[in-house]
């Protein structure tokens, strides 16, 4: 083919333009793949965060159950609700004792001495 005036054959310029268009298409395709991968990574990260939150909650619940179960055994209680009731009764007894002279009659030196 003829030259375009710069001494470069038009066929060479056509090749350069065609290659540039091909690279632009590949670049666009790569950008789309990257965007999809980033979206998938965000979704996966969100799922992992939810799973971690669930795991943390379940771990805390199990720890709390273990503590309550040990407290039940220590106190000889029958149900999981009894520790709260026993705590309430103990608190009421302490308040009642504080309102009376019972605490004044204790020999604290003998207790802590």
PDB file of N, CA and C in Angstrom:
ATOM      1  N   UNK A   1       0.835  -1.196   0.000  1.00  0.00           N
ATOM      2  CA  UNK A   1       0.000   0.000   0.000  1.00  0.00           C
ATOM      3  C   UNK A   1       0.870   1.246   0.000  1.00  0.00           C
ATOM      4  N   UNK A   2       0.233   2.326  -0.244  1.00  0.00           N
ATOM      5  CA  UNK A   2       0.970   3.595  -0.328  1.00  0.00           C
ATOM      6  C   UNK A   2       1.273   4.118   1.061  1.00  0.00           C
ATOM      7  N   UNK A   3       2.167   5.021   1.122  1.00  0.00           N
ATOM      8  CA  UNK A   3       2.553   5.651   2.386  1.00  0.00           C
ATOM      9  C   UNK A   3       1.595   6.789   2.699  1.00  0.00           C
ATOM     10  N   UNK A   4       1.527   7.158   3.966  1.00  0.00           N
ATOM     11  CA  UNK A   4       0.634   8.238   4.369  1.00  0.00           C
ATOM     12  C   UNK A   4       1.333   9.589   4.381  1.00  0.00           C
ATOM     13  N   UNK A   5       2.486   9.657   3.886  1.00  0.00           N
ATOM     14  CA  UNK A   5       3.237  10.907   3.847  1.00  0.00           C
ATOM     15  C   UNK A   5       4.353  10.944   4.863  1.00  0.00           C
ATOM     16  N   UNK A   6       4.300  10.054   5.846  1.00  0.00           N
ATOM     17  CA  UNK A   6       5.361  10.024   6.850  1.00  0.00           C
ATOM     18  C   UNK A   6       6.366   8.936   6.536  1.00  0.00           C
ATOM     19  N   UNK A   7       6.135   8.224   5.498  1.00  0.00           N
ATOM     20  CA  UNK A   7       7.041   7.161   5.111  1.00  0.00           C
ATOM     21  C   UNK A   7       6.638   5.821   5.686  1.00  0.00           C
ATOM     22  N   UNK A   8       5.559   5.771   6.481  1.00  0.00           N
ATOM     23  CA  UNK A   8       5.091   4.516   7.073  1.00  0.00           C
ATOM     24  C   UNK A   8       3.985   3.982   6.178  1.00  0.00           C
ATOM     25  N   UNK A   9       4.095   2.721   5.733  1.00  0.00           N
ATOM     26  CA  UNK A   9       3.044   2.164   4.880  1.00  0.00           C
ATOM     27  C   UNK A   9       1.708   2.125   5.629  1.00  0.00           C
ATOM     28  N   UNK A  10       0.632   2.368   4.923  1.00  0.00           N
ATOM     29  CA  UNK A  10      -0.714   2.364   5.515  1.00  0.00           C
ATOM     30  C   UNK A  10      -1.023   0.995   6.104  1.00  0.00           C
ATOM     31  N   UNK A  11      -0.536  -0.072   5.514  1.00  0.00           N
ATOM     32  CA  UNK A  11      -0.780  -1.415   6.051  1.00  0.00           C
ATOM     33  C   UNK A  11      -0.182  -1.551   7.452  1.00  0.00           C
ATOM     34  N   UNK A  12       0.957  -0.928   7.680  1.00  0.00           N
ATOM     35  CA  UNK A  12       1.569  -0.971   9.014  1.00  0.00           C
ATOM     36  C   UNK A  12       0.718  -0.179  10.003  1.00  0.00           C
ATOM     37  N   UNK A  13       0.202   0.960   9.547  1.00  0.00           N
ATOM     38  CA  UNK A  13      -0.675   1.752  10.419  1.00  0.00           C
ATOM     39  C   UNK A  13      -1.959   0.994  10.727  1.00  0.00           C
ATOM     40  N   UNK A  14      -2.507   0.291   9.725  1.00  0.00           N
ATOM     41  CA  UNK A  14      -3.702  -0.527   9.943  1.00  0.00           C
ATOM     42  C   UNK A  14      -3.429  -1.608  10.989  1.00  0.00           C
ATOM     43  N   UNK A  15      -2.267  -2.210  10.915  1.00  0.00           N
ATOM     44  CA  UNK A  15      -1.882  -3.239  11.903  1.00  0.00           C
ATOM     45  C   UNK A  15      -1.801  -2.636  13.300  1.00  0.00           C
ATOM     46  N   UNK A  16      -1.232  -1.456  13.398  1.00  0.00           N
ATOM     47  CA  UNK A  16      -1.098  -0.794  14.707  1.00  0.00           C
ATOM     48  C   UNK A  16      -2.478  -0.469  15.276  1.00  0.00           C
ATOM     49  N   UNK A  17      -3.364   0.064  14.426  1.00  0.00           N
ATOM     50  CA  UNK A  17      -4.724   0.402  14.869  1.00  0.00           C
ATOM     51  C   UNK A  17      -5.464  -0.863  15.291  1.00  0.00           C
ATOM     52  N   UNK A  18      -5.367  -1.909  14.490  1.00  0.00           N
ATOM     53  CA  UNK A  18      -6.039  -3.172  14.814  1.00  0.00           C
ATOM     54  C   UNK A  18      -5.510  -3.742  16.129  1.00  0.00           C
ATOM     55  N   UNK A  19      -4.202  -3.709  16.318  1.00  0.00           N
ATOM     56  CA  UNK A  19      -3.606  -4.221  17.565  1.00  0.00           C
ATOM     57  C   UNK A  19      -4.048  -3.374  18.753  1.00  0.00           C
ATOM     58  N   UNK A  20      -4.123  -2.067  18.563  1.00  0.00           N
ATOM     59  CA  UNK A  20      -4.571  -1.174  19.633  1.00  0.00           C
ATOM     60  C   UNK A  20      -6.011  -1.492  20.033  1.00  0.00           C
ATOM     61  N   UNK A  21      -6.873  -1.728  19.039  1.00  0.00           N
ATOM     62  CA  UNK A  21      -8.274  -2.081  19.318  1.00  0.00           C
ATOM     63  C   UNK A  21      -8.358  -3.424  20.046  1.00  0.00           C
ATOM     64  N   UNK A  22      -7.551  -4.391  19.607  1.00  0.00           N
ATOM     65  CA  UNK A  22      -7.543  -5.712  20.262  1.00  0.00           C
ATOM     66  C   UNK A  22      -7.115  -5.581  21.721  1.00  0.00           C
ATOM     67  N   UNK A  23      -6.054  -4.812  21.956  1.00  0.00           N
ATOM     68  CA  UNK A  23      -5.580  -4.604  23.328  1.00  0.00           C
ATOM     69  C   UNK A  23      -6.625  -3.873  24.170  1.00  0.00           C
ATOM     70  N   UNK A  24      -7.331  -2.925  23.584  1.00  0.00           N
ATOM     71  CA  UNK A  24      -8.385  -2.200  24.303  1.00  0.00           C
ATOM     72  C   UNK A  24      -9.504  -3.158  24.710  1.00  0.00           C
ATOM     73  N   UNK A  25      -9.886  -4.086  23.804  1.00  0.00           N
ATOM     74  CA  UNK A  25     -10.921  -5.080  24.133  1.00  0.00           C
ATOM     75  C   UNK A  25     -10.450  -5.995  25.262  1.00  0.00           C
ATOM     76  N   UNK A  26      -9.213  -6.445  25.190  1.00  0.00           N
ATOM     77  CA  UNK A  26      -8.671  -7.306  26.250  1.00  0.00           C
ATOM     78  C   UNK A  26      -8.605  -6.561  27.580  1.00  0.00           C
ATOM     79  N   UNK A  27      -8.213  -5.288  27.497  1.00  0.00           N
ATOM     80  CA  UNK A  27      -8.133  -4.475  28.713  1.00  0.00           C
ATOM     81  C   UNK A  27      -9.522  -4.324  29.344  1.00  0.00           C
ATOM     82  N   UNK A  28     -10.526  -4.060  28.529  1.00  0.00           N
ATOM     83  CA  UNK A  28     -11.896  -3.925  29.025  1.00  0.00           C
ATOM     84  C   UNK A  28     -12.372  -5.239  29.645  1.00  0.00           C
ATOM     85  N   UNK A  29     -12.055  -6.338  28.981  1.00  0.00           N
ATOM     86  CA  UNK A  29     -12.425  -7.655  29.500  1.00  0.00           C
ATOM     87  C   UNK A  29     -11.742  -7.925  30.843  1.00  0.00           C
ATOM     88  N   UNK A  30     -10.474  -7.571  30.948  1.00  0.00           N
ATOM     89  CA  UNK A  30      -9.738  -7.766  32.202  1.00  0.00           C
ATOM     90  C   UNK A  30     -10.320  -6.894  33.313  1.00  0.00           C
ATOM     91  N   UNK A  31     -10.718  -5.667  32.977  1.00  0.00           N
ATOM     92  CA  UNK A  31     -11.335  -4.782  33.973  1.00  0.00           C
ATOM     93  C   UNK A  31     -12.651  -5.370  34.474  1.00  0.00           C
ATOM     94  N   UNK A  32     -13.450  -5.939  33.561  1.00  0.00           N
ATOM     95  CA  UNK A  32     -14.718  -6.570  33.946  1.00  0.00           C
ATOM     96  C   UNK A  32     -14.477  -7.772  34.852  1.00  0.00           C
ATOM     97  N   UNK A  33     -13.472  -8.596  34.511  1.00  0.00           N
ATOM     98  CA  UNK A  33     -13.135  -9.754  35.361  1.00  0.00           C
ATOM     99  C   UNK A  33     -12.691  -9.295  36.744  1.00  0.00           C
ATOM    100  N   UNK A  34     -11.881  -8.235  36.779  1.00  0.00           N
ATOM    101  CA  UNK A  34     -11.420  -7.698  38.060  1.00  0.00           C
ATOM    102  C   UNK A  34     -12.598  -7.209  38.893  1.00  0.00           C
ATOM    103  N   UNK A  35     -13.530  -6.488  38.271  1.00  0.00           N
ATOM    104  CA  UNK A  35     -14.698  -5.987  38.982  1.00  0.00           C
ATOM    105  C   UNK A  35     -15.521  -7.139  39.545  1.00  0.00           C
ATOM    106  N   UNK A  36     -15.749  -8.179  38.737  1.00  0.00           N
ATOM    107  CA  UNK A  36     -16.501  -9.348  39.222  1.00  0.00           C
ATOM    108  C   UNK A  36     -15.770 -10.026  40.376  1.00  0.00           C
ATOM    109  N   UNK A  37     -14.458 -10.153  40.258  1.00  0.00           N
ATOM    110  CA  UNK A  37     -13.667 -10.787  41.324  1.00  0.00           C
ATOM    111  C   UNK A  37     -13.727  -9.961  42.607  1.00  0.00           C
ATOM    112  N   UNK A  38     -13.673  -8.640  42.481  1.00  0.00           N
ATOM    113  CA  UNK A  38     -13.755  -7.781  43.665  1.00  0.00           C
ATOM    114  C   UNK A  38     -15.126  -7.906  44.321  1.00  0.00           C
ATOM    115  N   UNK A  39     -16.185  -7.940  43.507  1.00  0.00           N
ATOM    116  CA  UNK A  39     -17.534  -8.098  44.053  1.00  0.00           C
ATOM    117  C   UNK A  39     -17.672  -9.440  44.764  1.00  0.00           C
ATOM    118  N   UNK A  40     -17.127 -10.476  44.174  1.00  0.00           N
ATOM    119  CA  UNK A  40     -17.162 -11.809  44.790  1.00  0.00           C
ATOM    120  C   UNK A  40     -16.366 -11.817  46.096  1.00  0.00           C
ATOM    121  N   UNK A  41     -15.226 -11.138  46.098  1.00  0.00           N
ATOM    122  CA  UNK A  41     -14.407 -11.068  47.316  1.00  0.00           C
ATOM    123  C   UNK A  41     -15.158 -10.341  48.426  1.00  0.00           C
ATOM    124  N   UNK A  42     -15.856  -9.265  48.079  1.00  0.00           N
ATOM    125  CA  UNK A  42     -16.646  -8.538  49.082  1.00  0.00           C
ATOM    126  C   UNK A  42     -17.765  -9.410  49.633  1.00  0.00           C
ATOM    127  N   UNK A  43     -18.435 -10.154  48.738  1.00  0.00           N
ATOM    128  CA  UNK A  43     -19.504 -11.047  49.180  1.00  0.00           C
ATOM    129  C   UNK A  43     -18.944 -12.127  50.108  1.00  0.00           C
ATOM    130  N   UNK A  44     -17.819 -12.695  49.725  1.00  0.00           N
ATOM    131  CA  UNK A  44     -17.183 -13.725  50.544  1.00  0.00           C
ATOM    132  C   UNK A  44     -16.738 -13.156  51.885  1.00  0.00           C
ATOM    133  N   UNK A  45     -16.186 -11.954  51.875  1.00  0.00           N
ATOM    134  CA  UNK A  45     -15.761 -11.314  53.120  1.00  0.00           C
ATOM    135  C   UNK A  45     -16.967 -11.070  54.027  1.00  0.00           C
ATOM    136  N   UNK A  46     -18.086 -10.628  53.448  1.00  0.00           N
ATOM    137  CA  UNK A  46     -19.302 -10.400  54.227  1.00  0.00           C
ATOM    138  C   UNK A  46     -19.792 -11.710  54.846  1.00  0.00           C
ATOM    139  N   UNK A  47     -19.776 -12.785  54.061  1.00  0.00           N
ATOM    140  CA  UNK A  47     -20.180 -14.095  54.583  1.00  0.00           C
ATOM    141  C   UNK A  47     -19.256 -14.540  55.711  1.00  0.00           C
ATOM    142  N   UNK A  48     -17.961 -14.293  55.561  1.00  0.00           N
ATOM    143  CA  UNK A  48     -16.999 -14.665  56.604  1.00  0.00           C
ATOM    144  C   UNK A  48     -17.251 -13.862  57.876  1.00  0.00           C
ATOM    145  N   UNK A  49     -17.559 -12.577  57.729  1.00  0.00           N
ATOM    146  CA  UNK A  49     -17.847 -11.747  58.898  1.00  0.00           C
ATOM    147  C   UNK A  49     -19.104 -12.235  59.612  1.00  0.00           C
ATOM    148  N   UNK A  50     -20.132 -12.604  58.843  1.00  0.00           N
ATOM    149  CA  UNK A  50     -21.355 -13.136  59.443  1.00  0.00           C
ATOM    150  C   UNK A  50     -21.076 -14.452  60.170  1.00  0.00           C
ATOM    151  N   UNK A  51     -20.282 -15.316  59.554  1.00  0.00           N
ATOM    152  CA  UNK A  51     -19.945 -16.597  60.179  1.00  0.00           C
ATOM    153  C   UNK A  51     -19.158 -16.377  61.466  1.00  0.00           C
ATOM    154  N   UNK A  52     -18.232 -15.416  61.454  1.00  0.00           N
ATOM    155  CA  UNK A  52     -17.454 -15.110  62.652  1.00  0.00           C
ATOM    156  C   UNK A  52     -18.348 -14.567  63.753  1.00  0.00           C
ATOM    157  N   UNK A  53     -19.284 -13.696  63.403  1.00  0.00           N
ATOM    158  CA  UNK A  53     -20.207 -13.146  64.402  1.00  0.00           C
ATOM    159  C   UNK A  53     -21.056 -14.259  65.010  1.00  0.00           C
ATOM    160  N   UNK A  54     -21.535 -15.172  64.178  1.00  0.00           N
ATOM    161  CA  UNK A  54     -22.322 -16.299  64.675  1.00  0.00           C
ATOM    162  C   UNK A  54     -21.478 -17.188  65.580  1.00  0.00           C
ATOM    163  N   UNK A  55     -20.272 -17.483  65.161  1.00  0.00           N
ATOM    164  CA  UNK A  55     -19.370 -18.311  65.962  1.00  0.00           C
ATOM    165  C   UNK A  55     -19.079 -17.662  67.311  1.00  0.00           C
ATOM    166  N   UNK A  56     -18.823 -16.370  67.310  1.00  0.00           N
ATOM    167  CA  UNK A  56     -18.550 -15.643  68.552  1.00  0.00           C
ATOM    168  C   UNK A  56     -19.757 -15.695  69.480  1.00  0.00           C
ATOM    169  N   UNK A  57     -20.962 -15.458  68.921  1.00  0.00           N
ATOM    170  CA  UNK A  57     -22.183 -15.498  69.731  1.00  0.00           C
ATOM    171  C   UNK A  57     -22.389 -16.886  70.329  1.00  0.00           C
ATOM    172  N   UNK A  58     -22.232 -17.919  69.516  1.00  0.00           N
ATOM    173  CA  UNK A  58     -22.427 -19.284  70.009  1.00  0.00           C
ATOM    174  C   UNK A  58     -21.395 -19.647  71.070  1.00  0.00           C
ATOM    175  N   UNK A  59     -20.161 -19.205  70.878  1.00  0.00           N
ATOM    176  CA  UNK A  59     -19.111 -19.469  71.865  1.00  0.00           C
ATOM    177  C   UNK A  59     -19.470 -18.819  73.200  1.00  0.00           C
ATOM    178  N   UNK A  60     -19.926 -17.568  73.160  1.00  0.00           N
ATOM    179  CA  UNK A  60     -20.320 -16.877  74.399  1.00  0.00           C
ATOM    180  C   UNK A  60     -21.504 -17.565  75.061  1.00  0.00           C
ATOM    181  N   UNK A  61     -22.483 -17.988  74.254  1.00  0.00           N
ATOM    182  CA  UNK A  61     -23.643 -18.680  74.815  1.00  0.00           C
ATOM    183  C   UNK A  61     -23.218 -19.979  75.494  1.00  0.00           C
ATOM    184  N   UNK A  62     -22.305 -20.708  74.842  1.00  0.00           N
ATOM    185  CA  UNK A  62     -21.853 -21.975  75.426  1.00  0.00           C
ATOM    186  C   UNK A  62     -21.082 -21.731  76.717  1.00  0.00           C
ATOM    187  N   UNK A  63     -20.232 -20.693  76.725  1.00  0.00           N
ATOM    188  CA  UNK A  63     -19.505 -20.356  77.953  1.00  0.00           C
ATOM    189  C   UNK A  63     -20.480 -20.007  79.073  1.00  0.00           C
ATOM    190  N   UNK A  64     -21.498 -19.206  78.740  1.00  0.00           N
ATOM    191  CA  UNK A  64     -22.489 -18.805  79.739  1.00  0.00           C
ATOM    192  C   UNK A  64     -23.235 -20.035  80.260  1.00  0.00           C
ATOM    193  N   UNK A  65     -23.587 -20.941  79.351  1.00  0.00           N
ATOM    194  CA  UNK A  65     -24.275 -22.163  79.759  1.00  0.00           C
ATOM    195  C   UNK A  65     -23.391 -23.002  80.680  1.00  0.00           C
ATOM    196  N   UNK A  66     -22.112 -23.101  80.366  1.00  0.00           N
ATOM    197  CA  UNK A  66     -21.182 -23.856  81.210  1.00  0.00           C
ATOM    198  C   UNK A  66     -21.107 -23.250  82.602  1.00  0.00           C
ATOM    199  N   UNK A  67     -21.005 -21.929  82.663  1.00  0.00           N
ATOM    200  CA  UNK A  67     -20.942 -21.246  83.964  1.00  0.00           C
ATOM    201  C   UNK A  67     -22.227 -21.487  84.743  1.00  0.00           C
ATOM    202  N   UNK A  68     -23.378 -21.341  84.067  1.00  0.00           N
ATOM    203  CA  UNK A  68     -24.662 -21.565  84.749  1.00  0.00           C
ATOM    204  C   UNK A  68     -24.803 -23.019  85.182  1.00  0.00           C
ATOM    205  N   UNK A  69     -24.357 -23.941  84.327  1.00  0.00           N
ATOM    206  CA  UNK A  69     -24.431 -25.356  84.686  1.00  0.00           C
ATOM    207  C   UNK A  69     -23.568 -25.675  85.896  1.00  0.00           C
ATOM    208  N   UNK A  70     -22.352 -25.129  85.925  1.00  0.00           N
ATOM    209  CA  UNK A  70     -21.484 -25.334  87.088  1.00  0.00           C
ATOM    210  C   UNK A  70     -22.107 -24.742  88.341  1.00  0.00           C
ATOM    211  N   UNK A  71     -22.737 -23.578  88.197  1.00  0.00           N
ATOM    212  CA  UNK A  71     -23.404 -22.939  89.336  1.00  0.00           C
ATOM    213  C   UNK A  71     -24.568 -23.798  89.821  1.00  0.00           C
ATOM    214  N   UNK A  72     -25.307 -24.387  88.880  1.00  0.00           N
ATOM    215  CA  UNK A  72     -26.409 -25.280  89.265  1.00  0.00           C
ATOM    216  C   UNK A  72     -25.880 -26.461  90.073  1.00  0.00           C
ATOM    217  N   UNK A  73     -24.814 -27.058  89.581  1.00  0.00           N
ATOM    218  CA  UNK A  73     -24.240 -28.220  90.268  1.00  0.00           C
ATOM    219  C   UNK A  73     -23.744 -27.817  91.650  1.00  0.00           C
ATOM    220  N   UNK A  74     -23.043 -26.680  91.723  1.00  0.00           N
ATOM    221  CA  UNK A  74     -22.503 -26.210  92.997  1.00  0.00           C
ATOM    222  C   UNK A  74     -23.615 -25.971  94.015  1.00  0.00           C
ATOM    223  N   UNK A  75     -24.725 -25.431  93.556  1.00  0.00           N
ATOM    224  CA  UNK A  75     -25.822 -25.102  94.467  1.00  0.00           C
ATOM    225  C   UNK A  75     -26.827 -26.242  94.622  1.00  0.00           C
ATOM    226  N   UNK A  76     -26.681 -27.277  93.827  1.00  0.00           N
ATOM    227  CA  UNK A  76     -27.619 -28.392  93.893  1.00  0.00           C
ATOM    228  C   UNK A  76     -28.977 -28.035  93.309  1.00  0.00           C
ATOM    229  N   UNK A  77     -28.984 -27.195  92.287  1.00  0.00           N
ATOM    230  CA  UNK A  77     -30.232 -26.756  91.677  1.00  0.00           C
ATOM    231  C   UNK A  77     -30.623 -27.699  90.548  1.00  0.00           C
ATOM    232  N   UNK A  78     -31.919 -27.649  90.168  1.00  0.00           N
ATOM    233  CA  UNK A  78     -32.446 -28.592  89.191  1.00  0.00           C
ATOM    234  C   UNK A  78     -32.593 -27.990  87.795  1.00  0.00           C
ATOM    235  N   UNK A  79     -32.968 -26.710  87.691  1.00  0.00           N
ATOM    236  CA  UNK A  79     -33.194 -26.127  86.360  1.00  0.00           C
ATOM    237  C   UNK A  79     -32.277 -24.937  86.125  1.00  0.00           C
ATOM    238  N   UNK A  80     -32.156 -24.546  84.859  1.00  0.00           N
ATOM    239  CA  UNK A  80     -31.304 -23.411  84.505  1.00  0.00           C
ATOM    240  C   UNK A  80     -31.853 -22.093  85.034  1.00  0.00           C
ATOM    241  N   UNK A  81     -33.146 -22.037  85.347  1.00  0.00           N
ATOM    242  CA  UNK A  81     -33.736 -20.801  85.866  1.00  0.00           C
ATOM    243  C   UNK A  81     -33.481 -20.638  87.359  1.00  0.00           C
ATOM    244  N   UNK A  82     -33.163 -21.711  88.039  1.00  0.00           N
ATOM    245  CA  UNK A  82     -32.990 -21.641  89.485  1.00  0.00           C
ATOM    246  C   UNK A  82     -31.829 -20.764  89.938  1.00  0.00           C
ATOM    247  N   UNK A  83     -30.697 -20.690  89.215  1.00  0.00           N
ATOM    248  CA  UNK A  83     -29.624 -19.810  89.702  1.00  0.00           C
ATOM    249  C   UNK A  83     -30.071 -18.359  89.847  1.00  0.00           C
ATOM    250  N   UNK A  84     -30.884 -17.860  88.894  1.00  0.00           N
ATOM    251  CA  UNK A  84     -31.366 -16.491  89.001  1.00  0.00           C
ATOM    252  C   UNK A  84     -32.258 -16.326  90.226  1.00  0.00           C
ATOM    253  N   UNK A  85     -33.123 -17.312  90.457  1.00  0.00           N
ATOM    254  CA  UNK A  85     -34.011 -17.257  91.623  1.00  0.00           C
ATOM    255  C   UNK A  85     -33.200 -17.333  92.915  1.00  0.00           C
ATOM    256  N   UNK A  86     -32.193 -18.194  92.949  1.00  0.00           N
ATOM    257  CA  UNK A  86     -31.347 -18.305  94.139  1.00  0.00           C
ATOM    258  C   UNK A  86     -30.580 -17.007  94.369  1.00  0.00           C
ATOM    259  N   UNK A  87     -30.075 -16.400  93.285  1.00  0.00           N
ATOM    260  CA  UNK A  87     -29.377 -15.113  93.417  1.00  0.00           C
ATOM    261  C   UNK A  87     -30.314 -14.043  93.961  1.00  0.00           C
ATOM    262  N   UNK A  88     -31.544 -14.034  93.463  1.00  0.00           N
ATOM    263  CA  UNK A  88     -32.524 -13.046  93.930  1.00  0.00           C
ATOM    264  C   UNK A  88     -32.803 -13.232  95.418  1.00  0.00           C
ATOM    265  N   UNK A  89     -32.979 -14.479  95.827  1.00  0.00           N
ATOM    266  CA  UNK A  89     -33.247 -14.746  97.244  1.00  0.00           C
ATOM    267  C   UNK A  89     -32.051 -14.367  98.114  1.00  0.00           C
ATOM    268  N   UNK A  90     -30.833 -14.660  97.634  1.00  0.00           N
ATOM    269  CA  UNK A  90     -29.636 -14.281  98.388  1.00  0.00           C
ATOM    270  C   UNK A  90     -29.529 -12.768  98.502  1.00  0.00           C
ATOM    271  N   UNK A  91     -29.818 -12.062  97.419  1.00  0.00           N
ATOM    272  CA  UNK A  91     -29.761 -10.597  97.447  1.00  0.00           C
ATOM    273  C   UNK A  91     -30.777 -10.041  98.428  1.00  0.00           C
ATOM    274  N   UNK A  92     -31.974 -10.599  98.415  1.00  0.00           N
ATOM    275  CA  UNK A  92     -32.999 -10.148  99.358  1.00  0.00           C
ATOM    276  C   UNK A  92     -32.553 -10.416 100.795  1.00  0.00           C
ATOM    277  N   UNK A  93     -31.921 -11.559 101.026  1.00  0.00           N
ATOM    278  CA  UNK A  93     -31.453 -11.886 102.372  1.00  0.00           C
ATOM    279  C   UNK A  93     -30.362 -10.916 102.814  1.00  0.00           C
ATOM    280  N   UNK A  94     -29.476 -10.540 101.907  1.00  0.00           N
ATOM    281  CA  UNK A  94     -28.417  -9.585 102.241  1.00  0.00           C
ATOM    282  C   UNK A  94     -29.019  -8.236 102.578  1.00  0.00           C
ATOM    283  N   UNK A  95     -29.969  -7.783 101.756  1.00  0.00           N
ATOM    284  CA  UNK A  95     -30.617  -6.488 102.016  1.00  0.00           C
ATOM    285  C   UNK A  95     -31.327  -6.527 103.356  1.00  0.00           C
ATOM    286  N   UNK A  96     -32.005  -7.618 103.619  1.00  0.00           N
ATOM    287  CA  UNK A  96     -32.718  -7.761 104.890  1.00  0.00           C
ATOM    288  C   UNK A  96     -31.738  -7.770 106.062  1.00  0.00           C
ATOM    289  N   UNK A  97     -30.618  -8.467 105.880  1.00  0.00           N
ATOM    290  CA  UNK A  97     -29.615  -8.525 106.949  1.00  0.00           C
ATOM    291  C   UNK A  97     -28.982  -7.160 107.169  1.00  0.00           C
ATOM    292  N   UNK A  98     -28.785  -6.406 106.097  1.00  0.00           N
ATOM    293  CA  UNK A  98     -28.206  -5.072 106.235  1.00  0.00           C
ATOM    294  C   UNK A  98     -29.153  -4.143 106.983  1.00  0.00           C
ATOM    295  N   UNK A  99     -30.442  -4.379 106.836  1.00  0.00           N
ATOM    296  CA  UNK A  99     -31.430  -3.544 107.513  1.00  0.00           C
ATOM    297  C   UNK A  99     -31.565  -3.894 108.987  1.00  0.00           C
ATOM    298  N   UNK A 100     -31.060  -5.035 109.390  1.00  0.00           N
ATOM    299  CA  UNK A 100     -31.153  -5.430 110.800  1.00  0.00           C
ATOM    300  C   UNK A 100     -29.774  -5.316 111.440  1.00  0.00           C
ATOM    301  N   UNK A 101     -29.686  -5.753 112.651  1.00  0.00           N
ATOM    302  CA  UNK A 101     -28.421  -5.690 113.382  1.00  0.00           C
ATOM    303  C   UNK A 101     -27.604  -6.968 113.224  1.00  0.00           C
ATOM    304  N   UNK A 102     -28.000  -7.850 112.319  1.00  0.00           N
ATOM    305  CA  UNK A 102     -27.327  -9.135 112.162  1.00  0.00           C
ATOM    306  C   UNK A 102     -25.854  -8.943 111.819  1.00  0.00           C
ATOM    307  N   UNK A 103     -25.544  -8.023 110.908  1.00  0.00           N
ATOM    308  CA  UNK A 103     -24.157  -7.821 110.501  1.00  0.00           C
ATOM    309  C   UNK A 103     -23.311  -7.252 111.634  1.00  0.00           C
ATOM    310  N   UNK A 104     -23.939  -6.534 112.559  1.00  0.00           N
ATOM    311  CA  UNK A 104     -23.195  -5.963 113.679  1.00  0.00           C
ATOM    312  C   UNK A 104     -22.798  -7.027 114.696  1.00  0.00           C
ATOM    313  N   UNK A 105     -23.495  -8.154 114.692  1.00  0.00           N
ATOM    314  CA  UNK A 105     -23.202  -9.198 115.673  1.00  0.00           C
ATOM    315  C   UNK A 105     -22.120 -10.164 115.202  1.00  0.00           C
ATOM    316  N   UNK A 106     -21.676 -10.032 113.963  1.00  0.00           N
ATOM    317  CA  UNK A 106     -20.640 -10.925 113.432  1.00  0.00           C
ATOM    318  C   UNK A 106     -19.276 -10.434 113.904  1.00  0.00           C
ATOM    319  N   UNK A 107     -18.458 -11.370 114.363  1.00  0.00           N
ATOM    320  CA  UNK A 107     -17.088 -11.044 114.761  1.00  0.00           C
ATOM    321  C   UNK A 107     -16.228 -11.105 113.503  1.00  0.00           C
ATOM    322  N   UNK A 108     -16.049  -9.956 112.835  1.00  0.00           N
ATOM    323  CA  UNK A 108     -15.340  -9.895 111.565  1.00  0.00           C
ATOM    324  C   UNK A 108     -13.866 -10.262 111.723  1.00  0.00           C
ATOM    325  N   UNK A 109     -13.288 -10.024 112.878  1.00  0.00           N
ATOM    326  CA  UNK A 109     -11.901 -10.434 113.107  1.00  0.00           C
ATOM    327  C   UNK A 109     -11.773 -11.952 113.078  1.00  0.00           C
ATOM    328  N   UNK A 110     -12.789 -12.635 113.573  1.00  0.00           N
ATOM    329  CA  UNK A 110     -12.768 -14.092 113.545  1.00  0.00           C
ATOM    330  C   UNK A 110     -12.949 -14.603 112.111  1.00  0.00           C
ATOM    331  N   UNK A 111     -13.731 -13.882 111.327  1.00  0.00           N
ATOM    332  CA  UNK A 111     -13.985 -14.295 109.950  1.00  0.00           C
ATOM    333  C   UNK A 111     -12.755 -14.069 109.082  1.00  0.00           C
ATOM    334  N   UNK A 112     -12.158 -12.867 109.175  1.00  0.00           N
ATOM    335  CA  UNK A 112     -11.047 -12.510 108.301  1.00  0.00           C
ATOM    336  C   UNK A 112      -9.693 -12.560 108.995  1.00  0.00           C
ATOM    337  N   UNK A 113      -9.689 -12.736 110.284  1.00  0.00           N
ATOM    338  CA  UNK A 113      -8.458 -12.669 111.050  1.00  0.00           C
ATOM    339  C   UNK A 113      -7.583 -13.818 110.871  1.00  0.00           C
TER     340      UNK A 113
END
